[in-house]
Amino acid sequence: MASSAAETPRPEDTQFRVRRAYERPVRAGEIVYEQGERGEALYVIQAGQVELTRSGLDGTRVVSRHGPGEFFGEMAVLLGRPRTARATAASDARLLELDAATFERMCIEQPEIAIRVIQRLAARAIELEQRLAALGVDDLLRPVVRVLVRCAAHEGGEGAVMRSLRALAGEAGLSLREAHRALCQLIDRKLVKLVDDRLRIPDLDALSGALDAPD
């Protein structure tokens, strides 16, 4: 009769099976996933580096860069929402590509993995708070104003602009939190009004004036 130790896989055995089943090599410059697509998997970097970039009206900007031992793409998988950035291999790299079910099973078998994820998400939240605190308001306002001015002009000037916060953030190249902060600033300045769940621009010239400061 086989021993219980032989029947129960060791953590290192699980890790080995995961590496063999889910490892994905990528070449420098290869796109791992595109901004806006559905998130089917999250990734753990075994070797190399991956860069996340976000595109908006002001062009493409680097959001973050990750190296060995770090993970990315988890928010789209955990929250079931579209990718908010493009992931590109900044060098030749080896990734673990884990779908939601596999990741959940790993967290159950090895709780330390779940703890690492929670710690990493908390660190990212703190980093975001610090970045927002250091970021000038105009750096957030200008891309949002550009989107609103363009939409208002398309609808004939002063009128209601139907824009969800997610759509506004995506077109401005900002996170939801950044777009919300900028929109609140515009509402506080009475440059934009929220009426019946629609954004209304009472004075398009006044709103356009928010773009006068140089980039």
C-alpha atoms as a PDB file:
ATOM      1  CA  MET A   1       0.000   0.000   0.000  1.00  0.00           C
ATOM      2  CA  ALA A   2       1.414   3.400  -0.977  1.00  0.00           C
ATOM      3  CA  SER A   3       2.243   5.831   1.802  1.00  0.00           C
ATOM      4  CA  SER A   4       0.168   8.960   2.375  1.00  0.00           C
ATOM      5  CA  ALA A   5       3.220  11.052   1.485  1.00  0.00           C
ATOM      6  CA  ALA A   6       3.241   9.463  -1.965  1.00  0.00           C
ATOM      7  CA  GLU A   7      -0.477  10.174  -2.405  1.00  0.00           C
ATOM      8  CA  THR A   8      -0.251  13.861  -1.462  1.00  0.00           C
ATOM      9  CA  PRO A   9       1.710  16.042  -3.914  1.00  0.00           C
ATOM     10  CA  ARG A  10       4.322  18.247  -2.320  1.00  0.00           C
ATOM     11  CA  PRO A  11       4.235  22.028  -2.954  1.00  0.00           C
ATOM     12  CA  GLU A  12       7.380  21.791  -5.090  1.00  0.00           C
ATOM     13  CA  ASP A  13       5.672  19.093  -7.194  1.00  0.00           C
ATOM     14  CA  THR A  14       2.712  21.412  -7.760  1.00  0.00           C
ATOM     15  CA  GLN A  15       5.040  24.240  -8.732  1.00  0.00           C
ATOM     16  CA  PHE A  16       6.872  21.965 -11.177  1.00  0.00           C
ATOM     17  CA  ARG A  17       3.626  20.833 -12.802  1.00  0.00           C
ATOM     18  CA  VAL A  18       2.433  24.435 -13.088  1.00  0.00           C
ATOM     19  CA  ARG A  19       5.698  25.542 -14.687  1.00  0.00           C
ATOM     20  CA  ARG A  20       5.583  22.750 -17.253  1.00  0.00           C
ATOM     21  CA  ALA A  21       1.895  23.238 -18.077  1.00  0.00           C
ATOM     22  CA  TYR A  22       1.653  27.014 -18.127  1.00  0.00           C
ATOM     23  CA  GLU A  23       5.071  28.436 -18.934  1.00  0.00           C
ATOM     24  CA  ARG A  24       5.034  30.836 -21.900  1.00  0.00           C
ATOM     25  CA  PRO A  25       8.261  32.130 -23.459  1.00  0.00           C
ATOM     26  CA  VAL A  26       8.075  35.553 -25.128  1.00  0.00           C
ATOM     27  CA  ARG A  27      10.559  37.480 -27.223  1.00  0.00           C
ATOM     28  CA  ALA A  28      11.559  41.118 -26.700  1.00  0.00           C
ATOM     29  CA  GLY A  29       8.886  43.359 -28.242  1.00  0.00           C
ATOM     30  CA  GLU A  30       6.221  40.642 -28.263  1.00  0.00           C
ATOM     31  CA  ILE A  31       2.776  41.766 -27.083  1.00  0.00           C
ATOM     32  CA  VAL A  32       1.462  39.642 -24.215  1.00  0.00           C
ATOM     33  CA  TYR A  33      -2.006  41.206 -24.319  1.00  0.00           C
ATOM     34  CA  GLU A  34      -3.680  44.314 -25.713  1.00  0.00           C
ATOM     35  CA  GLN A  35      -5.399  47.189 -23.924  1.00  0.00           C
ATOM     36  CA  GLY A  36      -9.173  46.731 -23.956  1.00  0.00           C
ATOM     37  CA  GLU A  37      -9.250  42.994 -24.540  1.00  0.00           C
ATOM     38  CA  ARG A  38     -10.888  40.577 -22.141  1.00  0.00           C
ATOM     39  CA  GLY A  39      -8.640  39.364 -19.322  1.00  0.00           C
ATOM     40  CA  GLU A  40      -8.385  35.580 -19.507  1.00  0.00           C
ATOM     41  CA  ALA A  41      -5.164  35.051 -17.563  1.00  0.00           C
ATOM     42  CA  LEU A  42      -2.723  36.658 -15.149  1.00  0.00           C
ATOM     43  CA  TYR A  43       1.032  36.326 -15.452  1.00  0.00           C
ATOM     44  CA  VAL A  44       3.987  35.670 -13.173  1.00  0.00           C
ATOM     45  CA  ILE A  45       7.407  36.627 -14.536  1.00  0.00           C
ATOM     46  CA  GLN A  46       9.991  33.854 -14.246  1.00  0.00           C
ATOM     47  CA  ALA A  47      12.721  35.709 -16.141  1.00  0.00           C
ATOM     48  CA  GLY A  48      13.027  38.950 -18.101  1.00  0.00           C
ATOM     49  CA  GLN A  49      10.948  42.133 -17.938  1.00  0.00           C
ATOM     50  CA  VAL A  50       7.487  43.211 -19.076  1.00  0.00           C
ATOM     51  CA  GLU A  51       6.331  46.794 -19.645  1.00  0.00           C
ATOM     52  CA  LEU A  52       2.740  48.006 -19.311  1.00  0.00           C
ATOM     53  CA  THR A  53       1.655  50.977 -21.434  1.00  0.00           C
ATOM     54  CA  ARG A  54      -1.653  52.828 -21.738  1.00  0.00           C
ATOM     55  CA  SER A  55      -2.864  54.674 -24.848  1.00  0.00           C
ATOM     56  CA  GLY A  56      -5.073  57.763 -24.851  1.00  0.00           C
ATOM     57  CA  LEU A  57      -5.584  61.043 -26.682  1.00  0.00           C
ATOM     58  CA  ASP A  58      -2.203  62.268 -25.462  1.00  0.00           C
ATOM     59  CA  GLY A  59      -0.424  59.240 -26.905  1.00  0.00           C
ATOM     60  CA  THR A  60       1.041  56.209 -25.215  1.00  0.00           C
ATOM     61  CA  ARG A  61       2.640  56.348 -21.781  1.00  0.00           C
ATOM     62  CA  VAL A  62       4.449  53.782 -19.659  1.00  0.00           C
ATOM     63  CA  VAL A  63       2.382  52.681 -16.672  1.00  0.00           C
ATOM     64  CA  SER A  64       4.836  50.289 -15.023  1.00  0.00           C
ATOM     65  CA  ARG A  65       7.623  47.790 -15.590  1.00  0.00           C
ATOM     66  CA  HIS A  66       7.849  44.388 -13.903  1.00  0.00           C
ATOM     67  CA  GLY A  67      10.644  41.857 -13.425  1.00  0.00           C
ATOM     68  CA  PRO A  68      11.255  38.319 -12.134  1.00  0.00           C
ATOM     69  CA  GLY A  69       8.989  37.209  -9.289  1.00  0.00           C
ATOM     70  CA  GLU A  70       6.392  39.893 -10.012  1.00  0.00           C
ATOM     71  CA  PHE A  71       2.943  39.379 -11.477  1.00  0.00           C
ATOM     72  CA  PHE A  72       0.738  41.497 -13.735  1.00  0.00           C
ATOM     73  CA  GLY A  73      -2.639  41.357 -15.443  1.00  0.00           C
ATOM     74  CA  GLU A  74      -4.356  40.183 -12.264  1.00  0.00           C
ATOM     75  CA  MET A  75      -6.994  42.918 -11.983  1.00  0.00           C
ATOM     76  CA  ALA A  76      -8.729  42.055 -15.251  1.00  0.00           C
ATOM     77  CA  VAL A  77      -8.904  38.400 -14.203  1.00  0.00           C
ATOM     78  CA  LEU A  78      -9.930  38.915 -10.574  1.00  0.00           C
ATOM     79  CA  LEU A  79     -12.514  41.628 -11.381  1.00  0.00           C
ATOM     80  CA  GLY A  80     -13.648  40.314 -14.758  1.00  0.00           C
ATOM     81  CA  ARG A  81     -12.994  43.588 -16.591  1.00  0.00           C
ATOM     82  CA  PRO A  82     -11.149  44.496 -19.813  1.00  0.00           C
ATOM     83  CA  ARG A  83      -7.408  45.106 -19.810  1.00  0.00           C
ATOM     84  CA  THR A  84      -6.575  48.719 -18.963  1.00  0.00           C
ATOM     85  CA  ALA A  85      -3.103  48.594 -20.532  1.00  0.00           C
ATOM     86  CA  ARG A  86      -1.009  46.795 -23.140  1.00  0.00           C
ATOM     87  CA  ALA A  87       1.633  44.363 -21.848  1.00  0.00           C
ATOM     88  CA  THR A  88       4.797  44.042 -23.944  1.00  0.00           C
ATOM     89  CA  ALA A  89       7.940  42.019 -23.283  1.00  0.00           C
ATOM     90  CA  ALA A  90      10.726  44.540 -22.670  1.00  0.00           C
ATOM     91  CA  SER A  91      13.264  41.705 -23.092  1.00  0.00           C
ATOM     92  CA  ASP A  92      13.195  38.005 -23.807  1.00  0.00           C
ATOM     93  CA  ALA A  93      11.155  36.573 -20.943  1.00  0.00           C
ATOM     94  CA  ARG A  94       9.532  33.478 -19.481  1.00  0.00           C
ATOM     95  CA  LEU A  95       6.052  33.854 -18.015  1.00  0.00           C
ATOM     96  CA  LEU A  96       3.608  31.673 -16.156  1.00  0.00           C
ATOM     97  CA  GLU A  97       0.197  32.157 -17.771  1.00  0.00           C
ATOM     98  CA  LEU A  98      -2.509  31.267 -15.240  1.00  0.00           C
ATOM     99  CA  ASP A  99      -6.254  31.343 -15.810  1.00  0.00           C
ATOM    100  CA  ALA A 100      -8.580  32.220 -12.922  1.00  0.00           C
ATOM    101  CA  ALA A 101      -9.407  28.599 -12.020  1.00  0.00           C
ATOM    102  CA  THR A 102      -5.751  27.547 -11.937  1.00  0.00           C
ATOM    103  CA  PHE A 103      -4.773  30.581  -9.882  1.00  0.00           C
ATOM    104  CA  GLU A 104      -7.583  29.938  -7.391  1.00  0.00           C
ATOM    105  CA  ARG A 105      -6.489  26.304  -7.032  1.00  0.00           C
ATOM    106  CA  MET A 106      -2.893  27.384  -6.412  1.00  0.00           C
ATOM    107  CA  CYS A 107      -4.023  29.831  -3.710  1.00  0.00           C
ATOM    108  CA  ILE A 108      -5.979  27.069  -1.967  1.00  0.00           C
ATOM    109  CA  GLU A 109      -3.089  24.613  -2.130  1.00  0.00           C
ATOM    110  CA  GLN A 110      -0.506  27.225  -1.155  1.00  0.00           C
ATOM    111  CA  PRO A 111      -2.018  30.090   0.911  1.00  0.00           C
ATOM    112  CA  GLU A 112       1.307  31.941   0.830  1.00  0.00           C
ATOM    113  CA  ILE A 113       0.581  32.732  -2.818  1.00  0.00           C
ATOM    114  CA  ALA A 114      -2.670  34.485  -1.868  1.00  0.00           C
ATOM    115  CA  ILE A 115      -0.807  36.385   0.862  1.00  0.00           C
ATOM    116  CA  ARG A 116       1.785  37.554  -1.680  1.00  0.00           C
ATOM    117  CA  VAL A 117      -0.971  38.784  -3.989  1.00  0.00           C
ATOM    118  CA  ILE A 118      -2.660  40.728  -1.184  1.00  0.00           C
ATOM    119  CA  GLN A 119       0.652  42.277  -0.149  1.00  0.00           C
ATOM    120  CA  ARG A 120       1.453  43.267  -3.735  1.00  0.00           C
ATOM    121  CA  LEU A 121      -1.979  44.812  -4.296  1.00  0.00           C
ATOM    122  CA  ALA A 122      -1.661  46.766  -1.051  1.00  0.00           C
ATOM    123  CA  ALA A 123       1.775  48.034  -2.109  1.00  0.00           C
ATOM    124  CA  ARG A 124       0.387  49.125  -5.468  1.00  0.00           C
ATOM    125  CA  ALA A 125      -2.483  50.950  -3.770  1.00  0.00           C
ATOM    126  CA  ILE A 126      -0.003  52.857  -1.582  1.00  0.00           C
ATOM    127  CA  GLU A 127       2.137  53.653  -4.625  1.00  0.00           C
ATOM    128  CA  LEU A 128      -0.929  54.993  -6.465  1.00  0.00           C
ATOM    129  CA  GLU A 129      -1.836  57.225  -3.523  1.00  0.00           C
ATOM    130  CA  GLN A 130       1.687  58.619  -3.456  1.00  0.00           C
ATOM    131  CA  ARG A 131       1.687  59.171  -7.222  1.00  0.00           C
ATOM    132  CA  LEU A 132      -1.639  60.985  -7.124  1.00  0.00           C
ATOM    133  CA  ALA A 133      -0.451  63.157  -4.230  1.00  0.00           C
ATOM    134  CA  ALA A 134       2.645  64.168  -6.206  1.00  0.00           C
ATOM    135  CA  LEU A 135       0.839  64.598  -9.511  1.00  0.00           C
ATOM    136  CA  GLY A 136      -0.218  68.117 -10.430  1.00  0.00           C
ATOM    137  CA  VAL A 137      -3.939  68.605 -10.975  1.00  0.00           C
ATOM    138  CA  ASP A 138      -3.356  70.026 -14.469  1.00  0.00           C
ATOM    139  CA  ASP A 139      -1.642  66.777 -15.497  1.00  0.00           C
ATOM    140  CA  LEU A 140      -4.975  65.047 -14.907  1.00  0.00           C
ATOM    141  CA  LEU A 141      -7.282  67.826 -16.074  1.00  0.00           C
ATOM    142  CA  ARG A 142      -5.820  68.413 -19.514  1.00  0.00           C
ATOM    143  CA  PRO A 143      -6.423  64.942 -21.014  1.00  0.00           C
ATOM    144  CA  VAL A 144      -9.961  64.856 -19.546  1.00  0.00           C
ATOM    145  CA  VAL A 145     -10.729  68.358 -20.834  1.00  0.00           C
ATOM    146  CA  ARG A 146      -9.474  67.415 -24.306  1.00  0.00           C
ATOM    147  CA  VAL A 147     -11.902  64.484 -24.409  1.00  0.00           C
ATOM    148  CA  LEU A 148     -14.841  66.587 -23.179  1.00  0.00           C
ATOM    149  CA  VAL A 149     -14.121  69.483 -25.560  1.00  0.00           C
ATOM    150  CA  ARG A 150     -13.893  67.119 -28.511  1.00  0.00           C
ATOM    151  CA  CYS A 151     -17.161  65.393 -27.551  1.00  0.00           C
ATOM    152  CA  ALA A 152     -18.953  68.697 -26.944  1.00  0.00           C
ATOM    153  CA  ALA A 153     -17.754  70.093 -30.276  1.00  0.00           C
ATOM    154  CA  HIS A 154     -19.031  66.973 -31.995  1.00  0.00           C
ATOM    155  CA  GLU A 155     -22.453  67.554 -30.445  1.00  0.00           C
ATOM    156  CA  GLY A 156     -22.589  71.214 -31.388  1.00  0.00           C
ATOM    157  CA  GLY A 157     -21.060  72.955 -28.388  1.00  0.00           C
ATOM    158  CA  GLU A 158     -22.856  73.473 -25.094  1.00  0.00           C
ATOM    159  CA  GLY A 159     -24.846  70.364 -24.402  1.00  0.00           C
ATOM    160  CA  ALA A 160     -25.018  67.056 -22.649  1.00  0.00           C
ATOM    161  CA  VAL A 161     -22.127  64.669 -23.120  1.00  0.00           C
ATOM    162  CA  MET A 162     -22.957  61.049 -22.418  1.00  0.00           C
ATOM    163  CA  ARG A 163     -19.726  59.497 -21.217  1.00  0.00           C
ATOM    164  CA  SER A 164     -19.242  56.742 -18.660  1.00  0.00           C
ATOM    165  CA  LEU A 165     -16.303  57.234 -16.308  1.00  0.00           C
ATOM    166  CA  ARG A 166     -14.677  54.120 -17.779  1.00  0.00           C
ATOM    167  CA  ALA A 167     -14.987  55.464 -21.336  1.00  0.00           C
ATOM    168  CA  LEU A 168     -13.723  58.885 -20.258  1.00  0.00           C
ATOM    169  CA  ALA A 169     -10.726  57.353 -18.477  1.00  0.00           C
ATOM    170  CA  GLY A 170      -9.908  55.128 -21.442  1.00  0.00           C
ATOM    171  CA  GLU A 171     -10.008  57.948 -23.984  1.00  0.00           C
ATOM    172  CA  ALA A 172      -7.968  60.224 -21.697  1.00  0.00           C
ATOM    173  CA  GLY A 173      -5.367  57.537 -21.011  1.00  0.00           C
ATOM    174  CA  LEU A 174      -5.980  57.681 -17.255  1.00  0.00           C
ATOM    175  CA  SER A 175      -6.996  55.221 -14.578  1.00  0.00           C
ATOM    176  CA  LEU A 176     -10.582  55.314 -13.306  1.00  0.00           C
ATOM    177  CA  ARG A 177      -9.374  56.929 -10.098  1.00  0.00           C
ATOM    178  CA  GLU A 178      -7.406  59.625 -11.947  1.00  0.00           C
ATOM    179  CA  ALA A 179     -10.328  60.405 -14.271  1.00  0.00           C
ATOM    180  CA  HIS A 180     -12.705  60.627 -11.305  1.00  0.00           C
ATOM    181  CA  ARG A 181     -10.368  63.021  -9.509  1.00  0.00           C
ATOM    182  CA  ALA A 182     -10.066  65.254 -12.593  1.00  0.00           C
ATOM    183  CA  LEU A 183     -13.824  65.233 -13.182  1.00  0.00           C
ATOM    184  CA  CYS A 184     -14.477  66.237  -9.562  1.00  0.00           C
ATOM    185  CA  GLN A 185     -12.081  69.161 -10.003  1.00  0.00           C
ATOM    186  CA  LEU A 186     -13.952  70.315 -13.117  1.00  0.00           C
ATOM    187  CA  ILE A 187     -17.309  70.034 -11.349  1.00  0.00           C
ATOM    188  CA  ASP A 188     -15.961  71.966  -8.332  1.00  0.00           C
ATOM    189  CA  ARG A 189     -14.826  74.726 -10.708  1.00  0.00           C
ATOM    190  CA  LYS A 190     -18.318  74.715 -12.286  1.00  0.00           C
ATOM    191  CA  LEU A 191     -16.788  74.042 -15.696  1.00  0.00           C
ATOM    192  CA  VAL A 192     -18.806  70.829 -15.935  1.00  0.00           C
ATOM    193  CA  LYS A 193     -22.161  69.943 -14.402  1.00  0.00           C
ATOM    194  CA  LEU A 194     -23.654  66.538 -13.734  1.00  0.00           C
ATOM    195  CA  VAL A 195     -27.339  66.632 -14.683  1.00  0.00           C
ATOM    196  CA  ASP A 196     -29.475  63.486 -14.839  1.00  0.00           C
ATOM    197  CA  ASP A 197     -26.408  61.257 -15.111  1.00  0.00           C
ATOM    198  CA  ARG A 198     -25.075  63.312 -18.021  1.00  0.00           C
ATOM    199  CA  LEU A 199     -22.142  65.665 -18.142  1.00  0.00           C
ATOM    200  CA  ARG A 200     -23.261  69.129 -19.217  1.00  0.00           C
ATOM    201  CA  ILE A 201     -20.833  71.842 -20.317  1.00  0.00           C
ATOM    202  CA  PRO A 202     -22.311  75.299 -19.592  1.00  0.00           C
ATOM    203  CA  ASP A 203     -19.477  77.249 -21.265  1.00  0.00           C
ATOM    204  CA  LEU A 204     -17.292  75.470 -23.806  1.00  0.00           C
ATOM    205  CA  ASP A 205     -14.845  78.398 -24.049  1.00  0.00           C
ATOM    206  CA  ALA A 206     -14.359  78.399 -20.275  1.00  0.00           C
ATOM    207  CA  LEU A 207     -13.737  74.655 -20.306  1.00  0.00           C
ATOM    208  CA  SER A 208     -11.268  75.024 -23.169  1.00  0.00           C
ATOM    209  CA  GLY A 209      -9.421  77.597 -21.042  1.00  0.00           C
ATOM    210  CA  ALA A 210      -8.274  74.755 -18.809  1.00  0.00           C
ATOM    211  CA  LEU A 211      -5.974  73.761 -21.676  1.00  0.00           C
ATOM    212  CA  ASP A 212      -4.154  77.096 -21.722  1.00  0.00           C
ATOM    213  CA  ALA A 213      -1.418  75.998 -19.319  1.00  0.00           C
ATOM    214  CA  PRO A 214       1.524  74.506 -21.245  1.00  0.00           C
ATOM    215  CA  ASP A 215       2.123  70.728 -21.126  1.00  0.00           C
END
